[in-house]
PDB file of N, CA and C in Angstrom:
ATOM      1  N   MET A   1     -31.317  -7.269  -4.401  1.00  0.00           N
ATOM      2  CA  MET A   1     -30.092  -6.748  -4.970  1.00  0.00           C
ATOM      3  C   MET A   1     -28.960  -7.761  -4.758  1.00  0.00           C
ATOM      4  N   ILE A   2     -28.216  -8.024  -5.801  1.00  0.00           N
ATOM      5  CA  ILE A   2     -27.093  -8.957  -5.743  1.00  0.00           C
ATOM      6  C   ILE A   2     -25.888  -8.224  -5.164  1.00  0.00           C
ATOM      7  N   PRO A   3     -25.255  -8.774  -4.109  1.00  0.00           N
ATOM      8  CA  PRO A   3     -24.088  -8.098  -3.533  1.00  0.00           C
ATOM      9  C   PRO A   3     -22.912  -8.078  -4.502  1.00  0.00           C
ATOM     10  N   MET A   4     -22.123  -7.007  -4.440  1.00  0.00           N
ATOM     11  CA  MET A   4     -20.927  -6.902  -5.279  1.00  0.00           C
ATOM     12  C   MET A   4     -19.840  -7.796  -4.700  1.00  0.00           C
ATOM     13  N   ARG A   5     -19.089  -8.434  -5.563  1.00  0.00           N
ATOM     14  CA  ARG A   5     -17.975  -9.298  -5.141  1.00  0.00           C
ATOM     15  C   ARG A   5     -16.690  -8.505  -5.298  1.00  0.00           C
ATOM     16  N   TYR A   6     -15.940  -8.350  -4.239  1.00  0.00           N
ATOM     17  CA  TYR A   6     -14.690  -7.591  -4.274  1.00  0.00           C
ATOM     18  C   TYR A   6     -13.462  -8.489  -4.185  1.00  0.00           C
ATOM     19  N   ASP A   7     -13.420  -9.368  -3.204  1.00  0.00           N
ATOM     20  CA  ASP A   7     -12.298 -10.280  -3.005  1.00  0.00           C
ATOM     21  C   ASP A   7     -10.963  -9.542  -2.963  1.00  0.00           C
ATOM     22  N   LYS A   8     -10.925  -8.422  -2.230  1.00  0.00           N
ATOM     23  CA  LYS A   8      -9.688  -7.663  -2.125  1.00  0.00           C
ATOM     24  C   LYS A   8      -9.478  -7.204  -0.688  1.00  0.00           C
ATOM     25  N   LEU A   9      -8.244  -6.906  -0.370  1.00  0.00           N
ATOM     26  CA  LEU A   9      -7.867  -6.414   0.934  1.00  0.00           C
ATOM     27  C   LEU A   9      -8.417  -5.005   1.121  1.00  0.00           C
ATOM     28  N   VAL A  10      -9.058  -4.784   2.270  1.00  0.00           N
ATOM     29  CA  VAL A  10      -9.577  -3.457   2.589  1.00  0.00           C
ATOM     30  C   VAL A  10      -9.093  -3.041   3.970  1.00  0.00           C
ATOM     31  N   ARG A  11      -9.201  -1.776   4.254  1.00  0.00           N
ATOM     32  CA  ARG A  11      -8.831  -1.258   5.575  1.00  0.00           C
ATOM     33  C   ARG A  11      -9.744  -1.871   6.629  1.00  0.00           C
ATOM     34  N   ASP A  12      -9.231  -1.946   7.857  1.00  0.00           N
ATOM     35  CA  ASP A  12      -9.897  -2.655   8.951  1.00  0.00           C
ATOM     36  C   ASP A  12     -11.322  -2.195   9.254  1.00  0.00           C
ATOM     37  N   ASN A  13     -11.621  -0.918   9.090  1.00  0.00           N
ATOM     38  CA  ASN A  13     -12.939  -0.398   9.462  1.00  0.00           C
ATOM     39  C   ASN A  13     -13.987  -0.471   8.346  1.00  0.00           C
ATOM     40  N   ILE A  14     -13.611  -0.933   7.186  1.00  0.00           N
ATOM     41  CA  ILE A  14     -14.540  -0.944   6.047  1.00  0.00           C
ATOM     42  C   ILE A  14     -15.775  -1.816   6.301  1.00  0.00           C
ATOM     43  N   PRO A  15     -15.649  -3.037   6.827  1.00  0.00           N
ATOM     44  CA  PRO A  15     -16.876  -3.811   7.076  1.00  0.00           C
ATOM     45  C   PRO A  15     -17.860  -3.084   8.003  1.00  0.00           C
ATOM     46  N   ASP A  16     -17.349  -2.441   9.063  1.00  0.00           N
ATOM     47  CA  ASP A  16     -18.218  -1.700   9.977  1.00  0.00           C
ATOM     48  C   ASP A  16     -18.886  -0.515   9.283  1.00  0.00           C
ATOM     49  N   ARG A  17     -18.168   0.137   8.427  1.00  0.00           N
ATOM     50  CA  ARG A  17     -18.734   1.284   7.697  1.00  0.00           C
ATOM     51  C   ARG A  17     -19.848   0.832   6.752  1.00  0.00           C
ATOM     52  N   ILE A  18     -19.663  -0.321   6.129  1.00  0.00           N
ATOM     53  CA  ILE A  18     -20.696  -0.857   5.239  1.00  0.00           C
ATOM     54  C   ILE A  18     -21.931  -1.226   6.055  1.00  0.00           C
ATOM     55  N   ARG A  19     -21.714  -1.899   7.175  1.00  0.00           N
ATOM     56  CA  ARG A  19     -22.835  -2.270   8.059  1.00  0.00           C
ATOM     57  C   ARG A  19     -23.584  -1.037   8.562  1.00  0.00           C
ATOM     58  N   ALA A  20     -22.862   0.021   8.868  1.00  0.00           N
ATOM     59  CA  ALA A  20     -23.472   1.250   9.379  1.00  0.00           C
ATOM     60  C   ALA A  20     -24.423   1.876   8.360  1.00  0.00           C
ATOM     61  N   LYS A  21     -24.214   1.565   7.094  1.00  0.00           N
ATOM     62  CA  LYS A  21     -25.113   2.045   6.028  1.00  0.00           C
ATOM     63  C   LYS A  21     -26.327   1.141   5.876  1.00  0.00           C
ATOM     64  N   GLY A  22     -26.379   0.078   6.696  1.00  0.00           N
ATOM     65  CA  GLY A  22     -27.492  -0.858   6.615  1.00  0.00           C
ATOM     66  C   GLY A  22     -27.317  -1.935   5.568  1.00  0.00           C
ATOM     67  N   GLU A  23     -26.118  -2.072   5.059  1.00  0.00           N
ATOM     68  CA  GLU A  23     -25.842  -3.068   4.031  1.00  0.00           C
ATOM     69  C   GLU A  23     -25.219  -4.311   4.654  1.00  0.00           C
ATOM     70  N   ALA A  24     -25.446  -5.447   4.021  1.00  0.00           N
ATOM     71  CA  ALA A  24     -24.847  -6.702   4.468  1.00  0.00           C
ATOM     72  C   ALA A  24     -23.419  -6.793   3.937  1.00  0.00           C
ATOM     73  N   VAL A  25     -22.592  -7.466   4.709  1.00  0.00           N
ATOM     74  CA  VAL A  25     -21.202  -7.622   4.298  1.00  0.00           C
ATOM     75  C   VAL A  25     -20.705  -8.986   4.759  1.00  0.00           C
ATOM     76  N   THR A  26     -19.929  -9.631   3.922  1.00  0.00           N
ATOM     77  CA  THR A  26     -19.235 -10.855   4.321  1.00  0.00           C
ATOM     78  C   THR A  26     -17.752 -10.647   4.069  1.00  0.00           C
ATOM     79  N   PHE A  27     -16.939 -11.265   4.917  1.00  0.00           N
ATOM     80  CA  PHE A  27     -15.495 -11.163   4.759  1.00  0.00           C
ATOM     81  C   PHE A  27     -14.840 -12.310   5.502  1.00  0.00           C
ATOM     82  N   HIS A  28     -13.553 -12.496   5.283  1.00  0.00           N
ATOM     83  CA  HIS A  28     -12.773 -13.456   6.060  1.00  0.00           C
ATOM     84  C   HIS A  28     -11.427 -12.823   6.369  1.00  0.00           C
ATOM     85  N   VAL A  29     -10.738 -13.393   7.329  1.00  0.00           N
ATOM     86  CA  VAL A  29      -9.403 -12.934   7.689  1.00  0.00           C
ATOM     87  C   VAL A  29      -8.405 -13.801   6.923  1.00  0.00           C
ATOM     88  N   ALA A  30      -7.523 -13.153   6.200  1.00  0.00           N
ATOM     89  CA  ALA A  30      -6.558 -13.863   5.359  1.00  0.00           C
ATOM     90  C   ALA A  30      -5.520 -14.598   6.206  1.00  0.00           C
ATOM     91  N   ASP A  31      -5.094 -15.745   5.691  1.00  0.00           N
ATOM     92  CA  ASP A  31      -3.943 -16.403   6.305  1.00  0.00           C
ATOM     93  C   ASP A  31      -2.686 -15.680   5.805  1.00  0.00           C
ATOM     94  N   ALA A  32      -1.534 -16.085   6.282  1.00  0.00           N
ATOM     95  CA  ALA A  32      -0.285 -15.381   5.979  1.00  0.00           C
ATOM     96  C   ALA A  32      -0.003 -15.299   4.481  1.00  0.00           C
ATOM     97  N   ALA A  33      -0.183 -16.396   3.771  1.00  0.00           N
ATOM     98  CA  ALA A  33       0.118 -16.417   2.328  1.00  0.00           C
ATOM     99  C   ALA A  33      -0.844 -15.524   1.552  1.00  0.00           C
ATOM    100  N   GLU A  34      -2.128 -15.625   1.863  1.00  0.00           N
ATOM    101  CA  GLU A  34      -3.116 -14.803   1.162  1.00  0.00           C
ATOM    102  C   GLU A  34      -2.901 -13.323   1.479  1.00  0.00           C
ATOM    103  N   TYR A  35      -2.585 -13.019   2.733  1.00  0.00           N
ATOM    104  CA  TYR A  35      -2.358 -11.633   3.127  1.00  0.00           C
ATOM    105  C   TYR A  35      -1.214 -11.029   2.325  1.00  0.00           C
ATOM    106  N   CYS A  36      -0.125 -11.748   2.191  1.00  0.00           N
ATOM    107  CA  CYS A  36       1.018 -11.248   1.425  1.00  0.00           C
ATOM    108  C   CYS A  36       0.631 -11.018  -0.040  1.00  0.00           C
ATOM    109  N   GLU A  37      -0.085 -11.960  -0.617  1.00  0.00           N
ATOM    110  CA  GLU A  37      -0.552 -11.828  -2.000  1.00  0.00           C
ATOM    111  C   GLU A  37      -1.468 -10.616  -2.152  1.00  0.00           C
ATOM    112  N   LYS A  38      -2.399 -10.444  -1.224  1.00  0.00           N
ATOM    113  CA  LYS A  38      -3.360  -9.341  -1.306  1.00  0.00           C
ATOM    114  C   LYS A  38      -2.692  -7.991  -1.052  1.00  0.00           C
ATOM    115  N   LEU A  39      -1.644  -7.962  -0.221  1.00  0.00           N
ATOM    116  CA  LEU A  39      -0.893  -6.718  -0.044  1.00  0.00           C
ATOM    117  C   LEU A  39      -0.214  -6.311  -1.351  1.00  0.00           C
ATOM    118  N   ARG A  40       0.344  -7.271  -2.066  1.00  0.00           N
ATOM    119  CA  ARG A  40       0.965  -6.966  -3.366  1.00  0.00           C
ATOM    120  C   ARG A  40      -0.072  -6.417  -4.342  1.00  0.00           C
ATOM    121  N   GLU A  41      -1.242  -7.064  -4.382  1.00  0.00           N
ATOM    122  CA  GLU A  41      -2.316  -6.594  -5.263  1.00  0.00           C
ATOM    123  C   GLU A  41      -2.752  -5.187  -4.875  1.00  0.00           C
ATOM    124  N   LYS A  42      -2.906  -4.940  -3.575  1.00  0.00           N
ATOM    125  CA  LYS A  42      -3.346  -3.640  -3.089  1.00  0.00           C
ATOM    126  C   LYS A  42      -2.313  -2.574  -3.403  1.00  0.00           C
ATOM    127  N   LEU A  43      -1.029  -2.912  -3.285  1.00  0.00           N
ATOM    128  CA  LEU A  43       0.018  -1.953  -3.613  1.00  0.00           C
ATOM    129  C   LEU A  43      -0.066  -1.549  -5.083  1.00  0.00           C
ATOM    130  N   ARG A  44      -0.224  -2.519  -5.966  1.00  0.00           N
ATOM    131  CA  ARG A  44      -0.370  -2.206  -7.396  1.00  0.00           C
ATOM    132  C   ARG A  44      -1.576  -1.297  -7.621  1.00  0.00           C
ATOM    133  N   GLU A  45      -2.700  -1.641  -6.993  1.00  0.00           N
ATOM    134  CA  GLU A  45      -3.932  -0.858  -7.132  1.00  0.00           C
ATOM    135  C   GLU A  45      -3.714   0.583  -6.667  1.00  0.00           C
ATOM    136  N   GLU A  46      -3.116   0.744  -5.508  1.00  0.00           N
ATOM    137  CA  GLU A  46      -2.934   2.080  -4.947  1.00  0.00           C
ATOM    138  C   GLU A  46      -1.927   2.902  -5.753  1.00  0.00           C
ATOM    139  N   VAL A  47      -0.870   2.275  -6.270  1.00  0.00           N
ATOM    140  CA  VAL A  47       0.086   3.001  -7.102  1.00  0.00           C
ATOM    141  C   VAL A  47      -0.582   3.456  -8.399  1.00  0.00           C
ATOM    142  N   GLU A  48      -1.395   2.603  -9.000  1.00  0.00           N
ATOM    143  CA  GLU A  48      -2.129   2.995 -10.207  1.00  0.00           C
ATOM    144  C   GLU A  48      -3.036   4.182  -9.925  1.00  0.00           C
ATOM    145  N   GLU A  49      -3.734   4.160  -8.789  1.00  0.00           N
ATOM    146  CA  GLU A  49      -4.607   5.279  -8.420  1.00  0.00           C
ATOM    147  C   GLU A  49      -3.800   6.548  -8.206  1.00  0.00           C
ATOM    148  N   LEU A  50      -2.635   6.433  -7.569  1.00  0.00           N
ATOM    149  CA  LEU A  50      -1.770   7.589  -7.350  1.00  0.00           C
ATOM    150  C   LEU A  50      -1.321   8.189  -8.680  1.00  0.00           C
ATOM    151  N   LEU A  51      -0.943   7.348  -9.624  1.00  0.00           N
ATOM    152  CA  LEU A  51      -0.469   7.847 -10.910  1.00  0.00           C
ATOM    153  C   LEU A  51      -1.573   8.515 -11.714  1.00  0.00           C
ATOM    154  N   LYS A  52      -2.815   8.143 -11.465  1.00  0.00           N
ATOM    155  CA  LYS A  52      -3.961   8.776 -12.131  1.00  0.00           C
ATOM    156  C   LYS A  52      -4.364  10.080 -11.462  1.00  0.00           C
ATOM    157  N   ASP A  53      -4.205  10.145 -10.137  1.00  0.00           N
ATOM    158  CA  ASP A  53      -4.669  11.295  -9.366  1.00  0.00           C
ATOM    159  C   ASP A  53      -3.654  11.606  -8.276  1.00  0.00           C
ATOM    160  N   GLU A  54      -2.677  12.414  -8.607  1.00  0.00           N
ATOM    161  CA  GLU A  54      -1.552  12.687  -7.712  1.00  0.00           C
ATOM    162  C   GLU A  54      -1.951  13.678  -6.616  1.00  0.00           C
ATOM    163  N   ASN A  55      -2.420  13.142  -5.479  1.00  0.00           N
ATOM    164  CA  ASN A  55      -2.802  13.998  -4.361  1.00  0.00           C
ATOM    165  C   ASN A  55      -2.359  13.350  -3.056  1.00  0.00           C
ATOM    166  N   ALA A  56      -2.437  14.115  -1.980  1.00  0.00           N
ATOM    167  CA  ALA A  56      -1.954  13.647  -0.675  1.00  0.00           C
ATOM    168  C   ALA A  56      -2.673  12.381  -0.221  1.00  0.00           C
ATOM    169  N   GLY A  57      -3.967  12.276  -0.495  1.00  0.00           N
ATOM    170  CA  GLY A  57      -4.722  11.095  -0.088  1.00  0.00           C
ATOM    171  C   GLY A  57      -4.219   9.832  -0.754  1.00  0.00           C
ATOM    172  N   GLU A  58      -3.889   9.916  -2.024  1.00  0.00           N
ATOM    173  CA  GLU A  58      -3.379   8.747  -2.740  1.00  0.00           C
ATOM    174  C   GLU A  58      -1.968   8.383  -2.259  1.00  0.00           C
ATOM    175  N   PHE A  59      -1.138   9.405  -1.985  1.00  0.00           N
ATOM    176  CA  PHE A  59       0.177   9.113  -1.404  1.00  0.00           C
ATOM    177  C   PHE A  59       0.010   8.423  -0.057  1.00  0.00           C
ATOM    178  N   ALA A  60      -0.942   8.884   0.756  1.00  0.00           N
ATOM    179  CA  ALA A  60      -1.194   8.273   2.066  1.00  0.00           C
ATOM    180  C   ALA A  60      -1.606   6.813   1.918  1.00  0.00           C
ATOM    181  N   ASP A  61      -2.444   6.527   0.930  1.00  0.00           N
ATOM    182  CA  ASP A  61      -2.872   5.143   0.704  1.00  0.00           C
ATOM    183  C   ASP A  61      -1.692   4.253   0.341  1.00  0.00           C
ATOM    184  N   VAL A  62      -0.822   4.732  -0.542  1.00  0.00           N
ATOM    185  CA  VAL A  62       0.355   3.948  -0.934  1.00  0.00           C
ATOM    186  C   VAL A  62       1.252   3.700   0.277  1.00  0.00           C
ATOM    187  N   LEU A  63       1.484   4.737   1.071  1.00  0.00           N
ATOM    188  CA  LEU A  63       2.340   4.582   2.248  1.00  0.00           C
ATOM    189  C   LEU A  63       1.727   3.632   3.267  1.00  0.00           C
ATOM    190  N   GLU A  64       0.408   3.663   3.436  1.00  0.00           N
ATOM    191  CA  GLU A  64      -0.261   2.754   4.376  1.00  0.00           C
ATOM    192  C   GLU A  64      -0.047   1.298   3.959  1.00  0.00           C
ATOM    193  N   VAL A  65      -0.175   1.037   2.663  1.00  0.00           N
ATOM    194  CA  VAL A  65       0.031  -0.331   2.176  1.00  0.00           C
ATOM    195  C   VAL A  65       1.503  -0.730   2.307  1.00  0.00           C
ATOM    196  N   LEU A  66       2.403   0.182   1.986  1.00  0.00           N
ATOM    197  CA  LEU A  66       3.829  -0.128   2.141  1.00  0.00           C
ATOM    198  C   LEU A  66       4.171  -0.429   3.596  1.00  0.00           C
ATOM    199  N   ASP A  67       3.619   0.345   4.518  1.00  0.00           N
ATOM    200  CA  ASP A  67       3.857   0.082   5.938  1.00  0.00           C
ATOM    201  C   ASP A  67       3.372  -1.308   6.332  1.00  0.00           C
ATOM    202  N   ALA A  68       2.172  -1.668   5.894  1.00  0.00           N
ATOM    203  CA  ALA A  68       1.610  -2.983   6.226  1.00  0.00           C
ATOM    204  C   ALA A  68       2.434  -4.099   5.586  1.00  0.00           C
ATOM    205  N   TYR A  69       2.852  -3.891   4.353  1.00  0.00           N
ATOM    206  CA  TYR A  69       3.642  -4.887   3.626  1.00  0.00           C
ATOM    207  C   TYR A  69       4.983  -5.116   4.337  1.00  0.00           C
ATOM    208  N   ALA A  70       5.653  -4.027   4.679  1.00  0.00           N
ATOM    209  CA  ALA A  70       6.937  -4.151   5.375  1.00  0.00           C
ATOM    210  C   ALA A  70       6.752  -4.850   6.717  1.00  0.00           C
ATOM    211  N   ALA A  71       5.752  -4.437   7.473  1.00  0.00           N
ATOM    212  CA  ALA A  71       5.502  -5.049   8.779  1.00  0.00           C
ATOM    213  C   ALA A  71       5.224  -6.537   8.634  1.00  0.00           C
ATOM    214  N   ASN A  72       4.475  -6.896   7.612  1.00  0.00           N
ATOM    215  CA  ASN A  72       4.168  -8.308   7.370  1.00  0.00           C
ATOM    216  C   ASN A  72       5.435  -9.115   7.098  1.00  0.00           C
ATOM    217  N   LEU A  73       6.414  -8.484   6.495  1.00  0.00           N
ATOM    218  CA  LEU A  73       7.683  -9.150   6.192  1.00  0.00           C
ATOM    219  C   LEU A  73       8.685  -9.015   7.338  1.00  0.00           C
ATOM    220  N   GLY A  74       8.276  -8.361   8.415  1.00  0.00           N
ATOM    221  CA  GLY A  74       9.162  -8.204   9.561  1.00  0.00           C
ATOM    222  C   GLY A  74      10.181  -7.091   9.405  1.00  0.00           C
ATOM    223  N   ILE A  75       9.920  -6.166   8.511  1.00  0.00           N
ATOM    224  CA  ILE A  75      10.823  -5.041   8.277  1.00  0.00           C
ATOM    225  C   ILE A  75      10.272  -3.829   9.027  1.00  0.00           C
ATOM    226  N   THR A  76      11.096  -3.229   9.871  1.00  0.00           N
ATOM    227  CA  THR A  76      10.640  -2.115  10.692  1.00  0.00           C
ATOM    228  C   THR A  76      10.826  -0.774   9.980  1.00  0.00           C
ATOM    229  N   ALA A  77      10.102   0.219  10.462  1.00  0.00           N
ATOM    230  CA  ALA A  77      10.240   1.578   9.943  1.00  0.00           C
ATOM    231  C   ALA A  77      11.671   2.080  10.159  1.00  0.00           C
ATOM    232  N   GLN A  78      12.267   1.691  11.271  1.00  0.00           N
ATOM    233  CA  GLN A  78      13.651   2.081  11.559  1.00  0.00           C
ATOM    234  C   GLN A  78      14.606   1.495  10.516  1.00  0.00           C
ATOM    235  N   GLU A  79      14.421   0.225  10.179  1.00  0.00           N
ATOM    236  CA  GLU A  79      15.272  -0.403   9.157  1.00  0.00           C
ATOM    237  C   GLU A  79      15.122   0.313   7.815  1.00  0.00           C
ATOM    238  N   ILE A  80      13.906   0.656   7.467  1.00  0.00           N
ATOM    239  CA  ILE A  80      13.655   1.353   6.199  1.00  0.00           C
ATOM    240  C   ILE A  80      14.331   2.720   6.214  1.00  0.00           C
ATOM    241  N   ALA A  81      14.179   3.446   7.322  1.00  0.00           N
ATOM    242  CA  ALA A  81      14.792   4.771   7.435  1.00  0.00           C
ATOM    243  C   ALA A  81      16.314   4.674   7.325  1.00  0.00           C
ATOM    244  N   GLU A  82      16.903   3.670   7.950  1.00  0.00           N
ATOM    245  CA  GLU A  82      18.355   3.483   7.891  1.00  0.00           C
ATOM    246  C   GLU A  82      18.806   3.167   6.464  1.00  0.00           C
ATOM    247  N   GLU A  83      18.078   2.290   5.788  1.00  0.00           N
ATOM    248  CA  GLU A  83      18.425   1.950   4.398  1.00  0.00           C
ATOM    249  C   GLU A  83      18.270   3.162   3.479  1.00  0.00           C
ATOM    250  N   LYS A  84      17.220   3.931   3.699  1.00  0.00           N
ATOM    251  CA  LYS A  84      16.985   5.135   2.900  1.00  0.00           C
ATOM    252  C   LYS A  84      18.133   6.116   3.087  1.00  0.00           C
ATOM    253  N   ALA A  85      18.547   6.334   4.335  1.00  0.00           N
ATOM    254  CA  ALA A  85      19.654   7.247   4.628  1.00  0.00           C
ATOM    255  C   ALA A  85      20.957   6.738   4.021  1.00  0.00           C
ATOM    256  N   LYS A  86      21.190   5.440   4.131  1.00  0.00           N
ATOM    257  CA  LYS A  86      22.405   4.832   3.576  1.00  0.00           C
ATOM    258  C   LYS A  86      22.462   5.030   2.064  1.00  0.00           C
ATOM    259  N   LYS A  87      21.343   4.758   1.391  1.00  0.00           N
ATOM    260  CA  LYS A  87      21.311   4.925  -0.063  1.00  0.00           C
ATOM    261  C   LYS A  87      21.463   6.384  -0.463  1.00  0.00           C
ATOM    262  N   ALA A  88      20.856   7.285   0.308  1.00  0.00           N
ATOM    263  CA  ALA A  88      20.986   8.717   0.021  1.00  0.00           C
ATOM    264  C   ALA A  88      22.443   9.149   0.145  1.00  0.00           C
ATOM    265  N   GLU A  89      23.125   8.642   1.173  1.00  0.00           N
ATOM    266  CA  GLU A  89      24.537   8.978   1.389  1.00  0.00           C
ATOM    267  C   GLU A  89      25.411   8.417   0.263  1.00  0.00           C
ATOM    268  N   GLU A  90      25.178   7.159  -0.125  1.00  0.00           N
ATOM    269  CA  GLU A  90      26.017   6.504  -1.132  1.00  0.00           C
ATOM    270  C   GLU A  90      25.685   6.918  -2.566  1.00  0.00           C
ATOM    271  N   ARG A  91      24.396   7.020  -2.881  1.00  0.00           N
ATOM    272  CA  ARG A  91      23.962   7.235  -4.269  1.00  0.00           C
ATOM    273  C   ARG A  91      23.285   8.570  -4.504  1.00  0.00           C
ATOM    274  N   GLY A  92      22.906   9.233  -3.407  1.00  0.00           N
ATOM    275  CA  GLY A  92      22.189  10.494  -3.532  1.00  0.00           C
ATOM    276  C   GLY A  92      20.686  10.264  -3.490  1.00  0.00           C
ATOM    277  N   THR A  93      19.955  11.333  -3.748  1.00  0.00           N
ATOM    278  CA  THR A  93      18.493  11.260  -3.779  1.00  0.00           C
ATOM    279  C   THR A  93      18.045  11.573  -5.209  1.00  0.00           C
ATOM    280  N   PHE A  94      16.868  12.078  -5.371  1.00  0.00           N
ATOM    281  CA  PHE A  94      16.375  12.439  -6.709  1.00  0.00           C
ATOM    282  C   PHE A  94      16.140  13.941  -6.827  1.00  0.00           C
ATOM    283  N   GLU A  95      16.684  14.704  -5.883  1.00  0.00           N
ATOM    284  CA  GLU A  95      16.449  16.138  -5.835  1.00  0.00           C
ATOM    285  C   GLU A  95      17.008  16.892  -7.035  1.00  0.00           C
ATOM    286  N   LYS A  96      18.110  16.428  -7.597  1.00  0.00           N
ATOM    287  CA  LYS A  96      18.752  17.151  -8.702  1.00  0.00           C
ATOM    288  C   LYS A  96      18.118  16.853 -10.060  1.00  0.00           C
ATOM    289  N   ARG A  97      17.167  15.945 -10.103  1.00  0.00           N
ATOM    290  CA  ARG A  97      16.397  15.631 -11.321  1.00  0.00           C
ATOM    291  C   ARG A  97      17.275  15.142 -12.468  1.00  0.00           C
ATOM    292  N   ILE A  98      18.317  14.400 -12.167  1.00  0.00           N
ATOM    293  CA  ILE A  98      19.263  13.929 -13.182  1.00  0.00           C
ATOM    294  C   ILE A  98      18.654  12.793 -13.994  1.00  0.00           C
ATOM    295  N   ILE A  99      18.692  12.942 -15.315  1.00  0.00           N
ATOM    296  CA  ILE A  99      18.256  11.908 -16.251  1.00  0.00           C
ATOM    297  C   ILE A  99      19.504  11.365 -16.948  1.00  0.00           C
ATOM    298  N   LEU A 100      19.858  10.122 -16.657  1.00  0.00           N
ATOM    299  CA  LEU A 100      21.041   9.499 -17.257  1.00  0.00           C
ATOM    300  C   LEU A 100      20.727   9.119 -18.698  1.00  0.00           C
ATOM    301  N   GLU A 101      21.534   9.603 -19.631  1.00  0.00           N
ATOM    302  CA  GLU A 101      21.302   9.323 -21.042  1.00  0.00           C
ATOM    303  C   GLU A 101      22.181   8.194 -21.557  1.00  0.00           C
ATOM    304  N   THR A 102      23.437   8.190 -21.200  1.00  0.00           N
ATOM    305  CA  THR A 102      24.344   7.114 -21.596  1.00  0.00           C
ATOM    306  C   THR A 102      25.315   6.868 -20.472  1.00  0.00           C
ATOM    307  N   ALA A 103      25.941   5.691 -20.497  1.00  0.00           N
ATOM    308  CA  ALA A 103      26.965   5.372 -19.487  1.00  0.00           C
ATOM    309  C   ALA A 103      28.010   4.499 -20.100  1.00  0.00           C
TER     310      ALA A 103
END
């Protein structure tokens, strides 16, 4: 059987899970530049999956990638929370469902 080629970022335990099924697996650890590129690709992939199947698991996947992406860029959860609160205070949130038609 010819192994499938993925060449994509996966969660840390995936190689072990594949091995546990008795399957062979090869992988490498990305350098900083490749990791950043693969996080962007993974974010696009996970957002597309979320838009196709809107469930808690898909939201969790998107948030996991966002957390990793922010951490990779040196942005903390605290900084994100502060920016979110600041924007909510200045511009509001999306709770009122306002659709701007003209300005």
